[in-house]
Amino acid sequence: MKQISIQIADETARQIAWLAEYWGYAPQRHNTAVIERTINTIYMLEVGYEEYRGRLQEMGVDLSSKNKEQL
């Protein structure tokens, strides 16, 4: 694990606290957990889908529109 120091705006702090409560994290010391989950989610949305499709294609899965419902 790598420690980094960042400065966040008050609004970002409010959003992190809201997400911590929403996701059920403890009210104290939740910043790292929220940031990790947020990065993982955004990564999957932005990059993961294309990586997943690439891996499926490498495995020979037919990704044509007629078979997308099966995925």
PDB file of N, CA and C in Angstrom:
ATOM      1  N   MET A   1       0.849  -1.171   0.000  1.00  0.00           N
ATOM      2  CA  MET A   1       0.000   0.000   0.000  1.00  0.00           C
ATOM      3  C   MET A   1       0.891   1.229   0.000  1.00  0.00           C
ATOM      4  N   LYS A   2       0.483   2.212  -0.748  1.00  0.00           N
ATOM      5  CA  LYS A   2       1.250   3.450  -0.872  1.00  0.00           C
ATOM      6  C   LYS A   2       0.460   4.588  -0.239  1.00  0.00           C
ATOM      7  N   GLN A   3       1.129   5.379   0.564  1.00  0.00           N
ATOM      8  CA  GLN A   3       0.481   6.528   1.171  1.00  0.00           C
ATOM      9  C   GLN A   3       0.776   7.763   0.335  1.00  0.00           C
ATOM     10  N   ILE A   4      -0.271   8.554   0.112  1.00  0.00           N
ATOM     11  CA  ILE A   4      -0.105   9.814  -0.601  1.00  0.00           C
ATOM     12  C   ILE A   4      -0.794  10.909   0.191  1.00  0.00           C
ATOM     13  N   SER A   5      -0.355  12.096  -0.009  1.00  0.00           N
ATOM     14  CA  SER A   5      -0.956  13.237   0.663  1.00  0.00           C
ATOM     15  C   SER A   5      -1.675  14.075  -0.386  1.00  0.00           C
ATOM     16  N   ILE A   6      -2.950  14.325  -0.147  1.00  0.00           N
ATOM     17  CA  ILE A   6      -3.715  15.161  -1.065  1.00  0.00           C
ATOM     18  C   ILE A   6      -4.485  16.207  -0.274  1.00  0.00           C
ATOM     19  N   GLN A   7      -4.800  17.287  -0.922  1.00  0.00           N
ATOM     20  CA  GLN A   7      -5.665  18.296  -0.342  1.00  0.00           C
ATOM     21  C   GLN A   7      -6.969  18.273  -1.113  1.00  0.00           C
ATOM     22  N   ILE A   8      -8.068  18.271  -0.383  1.00  0.00           N
ATOM     23  CA  ILE A   8      -9.373  18.239  -1.041  1.00  0.00           C
ATOM     24  C   ILE A   8     -10.196  19.452  -0.613  1.00  0.00           C
ATOM     25  N   ALA A   9     -11.086  19.834  -1.485  1.00  0.00           N
ATOM     26  CA  ALA A   9     -11.990  20.949  -1.207  1.00  0.00           C
ATOM     27  C   ALA A   9     -13.057  20.504  -0.203  1.00  0.00           C
ATOM     28  N   ASP A  10     -13.673  21.461   0.427  1.00  0.00           N
ATOM     29  CA  ASP A  10     -14.730  21.159   1.396  1.00  0.00           C
ATOM     30  C   ASP A  10     -15.851  20.347   0.763  1.00  0.00           C
ATOM     31  N   GLU A  11     -16.207  20.678  -0.459  1.00  0.00           N
ATOM     32  CA  GLU A  11     -17.287  19.944  -1.142  1.00  0.00           C
ATOM     33  C   GLU A  11     -16.881  18.494  -1.376  1.00  0.00           C
ATOM     34  N   THR A  12     -15.628  18.249  -1.747  1.00  0.00           N
ATOM     35  CA  THR A  12     -15.161  16.881  -1.940  1.00  0.00           C
ATOM     36  C   THR A  12     -15.192  16.120  -0.616  1.00  0.00           C
ATOM     37  N   ALA A  13     -14.797  16.755   0.458  1.00  0.00           N
ATOM     38  CA  ALA A  13     -14.853  16.121   1.782  1.00  0.00           C
ATOM     39  C   ALA A  13     -16.287  15.756   2.137  1.00  0.00           C
ATOM     40  N   ARG A  14     -17.223  16.647   1.822  1.00  0.00           N
ATOM     41  CA  ARG A  14     -18.639  16.377   2.092  1.00  0.00           C
ATOM     42  C   ARG A  14     -19.109  15.175   1.285  1.00  0.00           C
ATOM     43  N   GLN A  15     -18.701  15.117   0.025  1.00  0.00           N
ATOM     44  CA  GLN A  15     -19.101  14.003  -0.833  1.00  0.00           C
ATOM     45  C   GLN A  15     -18.503  12.679  -0.346  1.00  0.00           C
ATOM     46  N   ILE A  16     -17.251  12.704   0.085  1.00  0.00           N
ATOM     47  CA  ILE A  16     -16.619  11.489   0.616  1.00  0.00           C
ATOM     48  C   ILE A  16     -17.368  11.012   1.854  1.00  0.00           C
ATOM     49  N   ALA A  17     -17.711  11.936   2.750  1.00  0.00           N
ATOM     50  CA  ALA A  17     -18.453  11.571   3.960  1.00  0.00           C
ATOM     51  C   ALA A  17     -19.818  10.987   3.601  1.00  0.00           C
ATOM     52  N   TRP A  18     -20.490  11.587   2.623  1.00  0.00           N
ATOM     53  CA  TRP A  18     -21.797  11.081   2.199  1.00  0.00           C
ATOM     54  C   TRP A  18     -21.666   9.663   1.646  1.00  0.00           C
ATOM     55  N   LEU A  19     -20.659   9.448   0.776  1.00  0.00           N
ATOM     56  CA  LEU A  19     -20.450   8.110   0.210  1.00  0.00           C
ATOM     57  C   LEU A  19     -20.109   7.095   1.296  1.00  0.00           C
ATOM     58  N   ALA A  20     -19.311   7.497   2.274  1.00  0.00           N
ATOM     59  CA  ALA A  20     -18.965   6.591   3.375  1.00  0.00           C
ATOM     60  C   ALA A  20     -20.225   6.138   4.109  1.00  0.00           C
ATOM     61  N   GLU A  21     -21.101   7.076   4.391  1.00  0.00           N
ATOM     62  CA  GLU A  21     -22.348   6.718   5.065  1.00  0.00           C
ATOM     63  C   GLU A  21     -23.217   5.843   4.160  1.00  0.00           C
ATOM     64  N   TYR A  22     -23.330   6.222   2.904  1.00  0.00           N
ATOM     65  CA  TYR A  22     -24.147   5.478   1.937  1.00  0.00           C
ATOM     66  C   TYR A  22     -23.669   4.037   1.785  1.00  0.00           C
ATOM     67  N   TRP A  23     -22.333   3.847   1.748  1.00  0.00           N
ATOM     68  CA  TRP A  23     -21.760   2.520   1.566  1.00  0.00           C
ATOM     69  C   TRP A  23     -21.587   1.765   2.877  1.00  0.00           C
ATOM     70  N   GLY A  24     -21.936   2.387   3.990  1.00  0.00           N
ATOM     71  CA  GLY A  24     -21.892   1.702   5.271  1.00  0.00           C
ATOM     72  C   GLY A  24     -20.526   1.656   5.949  1.00  0.00           C
ATOM     73  N   TYR A  25     -19.637   2.562   5.582  1.00  0.00           N
ATOM     74  CA  TYR A  25     -18.337   2.611   6.243  1.00  0.00           C
ATOM     75  C   TYR A  25     -18.465   3.311   7.587  1.00  0.00           C
ATOM     76  N   ALA A  26     -17.507   3.022   8.471  1.00  0.00           N
ATOM     77  CA  ALA A  26     -17.496   3.658   9.790  1.00  0.00           C
ATOM     78  C   ALA A  26     -17.376   5.167   9.640  1.00  0.00           C
ATOM     79  N   PRO A  27     -17.966   5.911  10.573  1.00  0.00           N
ATOM     80  CA  PRO A  27     -17.922   7.374  10.456  1.00  0.00           C
ATOM     81  C   PRO A  27     -16.517   7.961  10.582  1.00  0.00           C
ATOM     82  N   GLN A  28     -15.599   7.241  11.190  1.00  0.00           N
ATOM     83  CA  GLN A  28     -14.228   7.720  11.345  1.00  0.00           C
ATOM     84  C   GLN A  28     -13.297   6.952  10.416  1.00  0.00           C
ATOM     85  N   ARG A  29     -12.278   7.622   9.916  1.00  0.00           N
ATOM     86  CA  ARG A  29     -11.205   7.005   9.131  1.00  0.00           C
ATOM     87  C   ARG A  29     -11.734   6.239   7.906  1.00  0.00           C
ATOM     88  N   HIS A  30     -12.626   6.849   7.186  1.00  0.00           N
ATOM     89  CA  HIS A  30     -13.227   6.187   6.025  1.00  0.00           C
ATOM     90  C   HIS A  30     -12.674   6.688   4.693  1.00  0.00           C
ATOM     91  N   ASN A  31     -11.862   7.734   4.694  1.00  0.00           N
ATOM     92  CA  ASN A  31     -11.436   8.361   3.438  1.00  0.00           C
ATOM     93  C   ASN A  31     -10.769   7.381   2.489  1.00  0.00           C
ATOM     94  N   THR A  32      -9.829   6.573   2.984  1.00  0.00           N
ATOM     95  CA  THR A  32      -9.113   5.650   2.106  1.00  0.00           C
ATOM     96  C   THR A  32     -10.067   4.646   1.477  1.00  0.00           C
ATOM     97  N   ALA A  33     -10.968   4.084   2.267  1.00  0.00           N
ATOM     98  CA  ALA A  33     -11.913   3.095   1.739  1.00  0.00           C
ATOM     99  C   ALA A  33     -12.811   3.700   0.662  1.00  0.00           C
ATOM    100  N   VAL A  34     -13.283   4.919   0.906  1.00  0.00           N
ATOM    101  CA  VAL A  34     -14.155   5.584  -0.075  1.00  0.00           C
ATOM    102  C   VAL A  34     -13.376   5.887  -1.347  1.00  0.00           C
ATOM    103  N   ILE A  35     -12.165   6.407  -1.210  1.00  0.00           N
ATOM    104  CA  ILE A  35     -11.372   6.744  -2.392  1.00  0.00           C
ATOM    105  C   ILE A  35     -11.047   5.486  -3.190  1.00  0.00           C
ATOM    106  N   GLU A  36     -10.665   4.393  -2.512  1.00  0.00           N
ATOM    107  CA  GLU A  36     -10.373   3.140  -3.221  1.00  0.00           C
ATOM    108  C   GLU A  36     -11.597   2.637  -3.984  1.00  0.00           C
ATOM    109  N   ARG A  37     -12.743   2.615  -3.323  1.00  0.00           N
ATOM    110  CA  ARG A  37     -13.953   2.115  -3.987  1.00  0.00           C
ATOM    111  C   ARG A  37     -14.344   3.007  -5.156  1.00  0.00           C
ATOM    112  N   THR A  38     -14.202   4.304  -4.991  1.00  0.00           N
ATOM    113  CA  THR A  38     -14.533   5.238  -6.063  1.00  0.00           C
ATOM    114  C   THR A  38     -13.620   5.034  -7.262  1.00  0.00           C
ATOM    115  N   ILE A  39     -12.320   4.910  -7.026  1.00  0.00           N
ATOM    116  CA  ILE A  39     -11.373   4.700  -8.120  1.00  0.00           C
ATOM    117  C   ILE A  39     -11.669   3.374  -8.825  1.00  0.00           C
ATOM    118  N   ASN A  40     -11.927   2.316  -8.051  1.00  0.00           N
ATOM    119  CA  ASN A  40     -12.254   1.023  -8.658  1.00  0.00           C
ATOM    120  C   ASN A  40     -13.492   1.115  -9.538  1.00  0.00           C
ATOM    121  N   THR A  41     -14.507   1.814  -9.052  1.00  0.00           N
ATOM    122  CA  THR A  41     -15.754   1.950  -9.819  1.00  0.00           C
ATOM    123  C   THR A  41     -15.528   2.731 -11.105  1.00  0.00           C
ATOM    124  N   ILE A  42     -14.863   3.864 -11.007  1.00  0.00           N
ATOM    125  CA  ILE A  42     -14.609   4.684 -12.193  1.00  0.00           C
ATOM    126  C   ILE A  42     -13.718   3.941 -13.178  1.00  0.00           C
ATOM    127  N   TYR A  43     -12.711   3.245 -12.678  1.00  0.00           N
ATOM    128  CA  TYR A  43     -11.832   2.473 -13.556  1.00  0.00           C
ATOM    129  C   TYR A  43     -12.638   1.444 -14.344  1.00  0.00           C
ATOM    130  N   MET A  44     -13.524   0.736 -13.654  1.00  0.00           N
ATOM    131  CA  MET A  44     -14.334  -0.272 -14.344  1.00  0.00           C
ATOM    132  C   MET A  44     -15.234   0.377 -15.395  1.00  0.00           C
ATOM    133  N   LEU A  45     -15.780   1.529 -15.080  1.00  0.00           N
ATOM    134  CA  LEU A  45     -16.642   2.209 -16.045  1.00  0.00           C
ATOM    135  C   LEU A  45     -15.867   2.734 -17.244  1.00  0.00           C
ATOM    136  N   GLU A  46     -14.687   3.275 -17.002  1.00  0.00           N
ATOM    137  CA  GLU A  46     -13.919   3.919 -18.060  1.00  0.00           C
ATOM    138  C   GLU A  46     -13.032   2.954 -18.838  1.00  0.00           C
ATOM    139  N   VAL A  47     -12.426   1.986 -18.161  1.00  0.00           N
ATOM    140  CA  VAL A  47     -11.417   1.139 -18.781  1.00  0.00           C
ATOM    141  C   VAL A  47     -11.814  -0.335 -18.748  1.00  0.00           C
ATOM    142  N   GLY A  48     -12.382  -0.759 -17.655  1.00  0.00           N
ATOM    143  CA  GLY A  48     -12.665  -2.174 -17.434  1.00  0.00           C
ATOM    144  C   GLY A  48     -13.524  -2.817 -18.505  1.00  0.00           C
ATOM    145  N   TYR A  49     -14.505  -2.109 -18.987  1.00  0.00           N
ATOM    146  CA  TYR A  49     -15.396  -2.664 -20.007  1.00  0.00           C
ATOM    147  C   TYR A  49     -14.608  -3.067 -21.245  1.00  0.00           C
ATOM    148  N   GLU A  50     -13.730  -2.194 -21.696  1.00  0.00           N
ATOM    149  CA  GLU A  50     -12.945  -2.500 -22.892  1.00  0.00           C
ATOM    150  C   GLU A  50     -11.968  -3.651 -22.622  1.00  0.00           C
ATOM    151  N   GLU A  51     -11.370  -3.673 -21.429  1.00  0.00           N
ATOM    152  CA  GLU A  51     -10.484  -4.789 -21.077  1.00  0.00           C
ATOM    153  C   GLU A  51     -11.259  -6.099 -21.056  1.00  0.00           C
ATOM    154  N   TYR A  52     -12.456  -6.061 -20.485  1.00  0.00           N
ATOM    155  CA  TYR A  52     -13.308  -7.248 -20.403  1.00  0.00           C
ATOM    156  C   TYR A  52     -13.662  -7.748 -21.802  1.00  0.00           C
ATOM    157  N   ARG A  53     -14.060  -6.842 -22.676  1.00  0.00           N
ATOM    158  CA  ARG A  53     -14.387  -7.228 -24.054  1.00  0.00           C
ATOM    159  C   ARG A  53     -13.163  -7.826 -24.746  1.00  0.00           C
ATOM    160  N   GLY A  54     -11.990  -7.225 -24.527  1.00  0.00           N
ATOM    161  CA  GLY A  54     -10.766  -7.737 -25.131  1.00  0.00           C
ATOM    162  C   GLY A  54     -10.453  -9.153 -24.668  1.00  0.00           C
ATOM    163  N   ARG A  55     -10.617  -9.402 -23.388  1.00  0.00           N
ATOM    164  CA  ARG A  55     -10.372 -10.747 -22.856  1.00  0.00           C
ATOM    165  C   ARG A  55     -11.366 -11.753 -23.405  1.00  0.00           C
ATOM    166  N   LEU A  56     -12.621 -11.337 -23.525  1.00  0.00           N
ATOM    167  CA  LEU A  56     -13.622 -12.239 -24.105  1.00  0.00           C
ATOM    168  C   LEU A  56     -13.268 -12.580 -25.549  1.00  0.00           C
ATOM    169  N   GLN A  57     -12.840 -11.581 -26.304  1.00  0.00           N
ATOM    170  CA  GLN A  57     -12.458 -11.820 -27.691  1.00  0.00           C
ATOM    171  C   GLN A  57     -11.266 -12.758 -27.772  1.00  0.00           C
ATOM    172  N   GLU A  58     -10.283 -12.594 -26.866  1.00  0.00           N
ATOM    173  CA  GLU A  58      -9.132 -13.490 -26.836  1.00  0.00           C
ATOM    174  C   GLU A  58      -9.550 -14.927 -26.551  1.00  0.00           C
ATOM    175  N   MET A  59     -10.619 -15.094 -25.774  1.00  0.00           N
ATOM    176  CA  MET A  59     -11.122 -16.432 -25.458  1.00  0.00           C
ATOM    177  C   MET A  59     -12.002 -16.984 -26.574  1.00  0.00           C
ATOM    178  N   GLY A  60     -12.245 -16.178 -27.595  1.00  0.00           N
ATOM    179  CA  GLY A  60     -13.043 -16.630 -28.725  1.00  0.00           C
ATOM    180  C   GLY A  60     -14.539 -16.461 -28.559  1.00  0.00           C
ATOM    181  N   VAL A  61     -14.959 -15.640 -27.606  1.00  0.00           N
ATOM    182  CA  VAL A  61     -16.387 -15.396 -27.397  1.00  0.00           C
ATOM    183  C   VAL A  61     -16.899 -14.480 -28.496  1.00  0.00           C
ATOM    184  N   ASP A  62     -18.017 -14.852 -29.094  1.00  0.00           N
ATOM    185  CA  ASP A  62     -18.634 -14.060 -30.148  1.00  0.00           C
ATOM    186  C   ASP A  62     -19.322 -12.845 -29.531  1.00  0.00           C
ATOM    187  N   LEU A  63     -18.861 -11.653 -29.865  1.00  0.00           N
ATOM    188  CA  LEU A  63     -19.408 -10.415 -29.329  1.00  0.00           C
ATOM    189  C   LEU A  63     -20.343  -9.704 -30.297  1.00  0.00           C
ATOM    190  N   SER A  64     -20.817 -10.421 -31.288  1.00  0.00           N
ATOM    191  CA  SER A  64     -21.758  -9.801 -32.239  1.00  0.00           C
ATOM    192  C   SER A  64     -23.049  -9.428 -31.533  1.00  0.00           C
ATOM    193  N   SER A  65     -23.776  -8.494 -32.097  1.00  0.00           N
ATOM    194  CA  SER A  65     -24.983  -7.968 -31.444  1.00  0.00           C
ATOM    195  C   SER A  65     -26.006  -9.056 -31.170  1.00  0.00           C
ATOM    196  N   LYS A  66     -26.066 -10.091 -31.977  1.00  0.00           N
ATOM    197  CA  LYS A  66     -27.061 -11.140 -31.737  1.00  0.00           C
ATOM    198  C   LYS A  66     -26.749 -11.962 -30.490  1.00  0.00           C
ATOM    199  N   ASN A  67     -25.493 -11.947 -30.038  1.00  0.00           N
ATOM    200  CA  ASN A  67     -25.120 -12.730 -28.871  1.00  0.00           C
ATOM    201  C   ASN A  67     -24.883 -11.894 -27.624  1.00  0.00           C
ATOM    202  N   LYS A  68     -25.037 -10.582 -27.666  1.00  0.00           N
ATOM    203  CA  LYS A  68     -24.775  -9.738 -26.513  1.00  0.00           C
ATOM    204  C   LYS A  68     -25.703 -10.054 -25.356  1.00  0.00           C
ATOM    205  N   GLU A  69     -26.914 -10.494 -25.631  1.00  0.00           N
ATOM    206  CA  GLU A  69     -27.858 -10.810 -24.561  1.00  0.00           C
ATOM    207  C   GLU A  69     -27.361 -11.976 -23.711  1.00  0.00           C
ATOM    208  N   GLN A  70     -26.514 -12.817 -24.268  1.00  0.00           N
ATOM    209  CA  GLN A  70     -26.019 -13.978 -23.543  1.00  0.00           C
ATOM    210  C   GLN A  70     -24.916 -13.620 -22.564  1.00  0.00           C
ATOM    211  N   LEU A  71     -24.285 -12.452 -22.730  1.00  0.00           N
ATOM    212  CA  LEU A  71     -23.221 -12.034 -21.826  1.00  0.00           C
ATOM    213  C   LEU A  71     -23.855 -11.572 -20.589  1.00  0.00           C
TER     214      LEU A  71
END
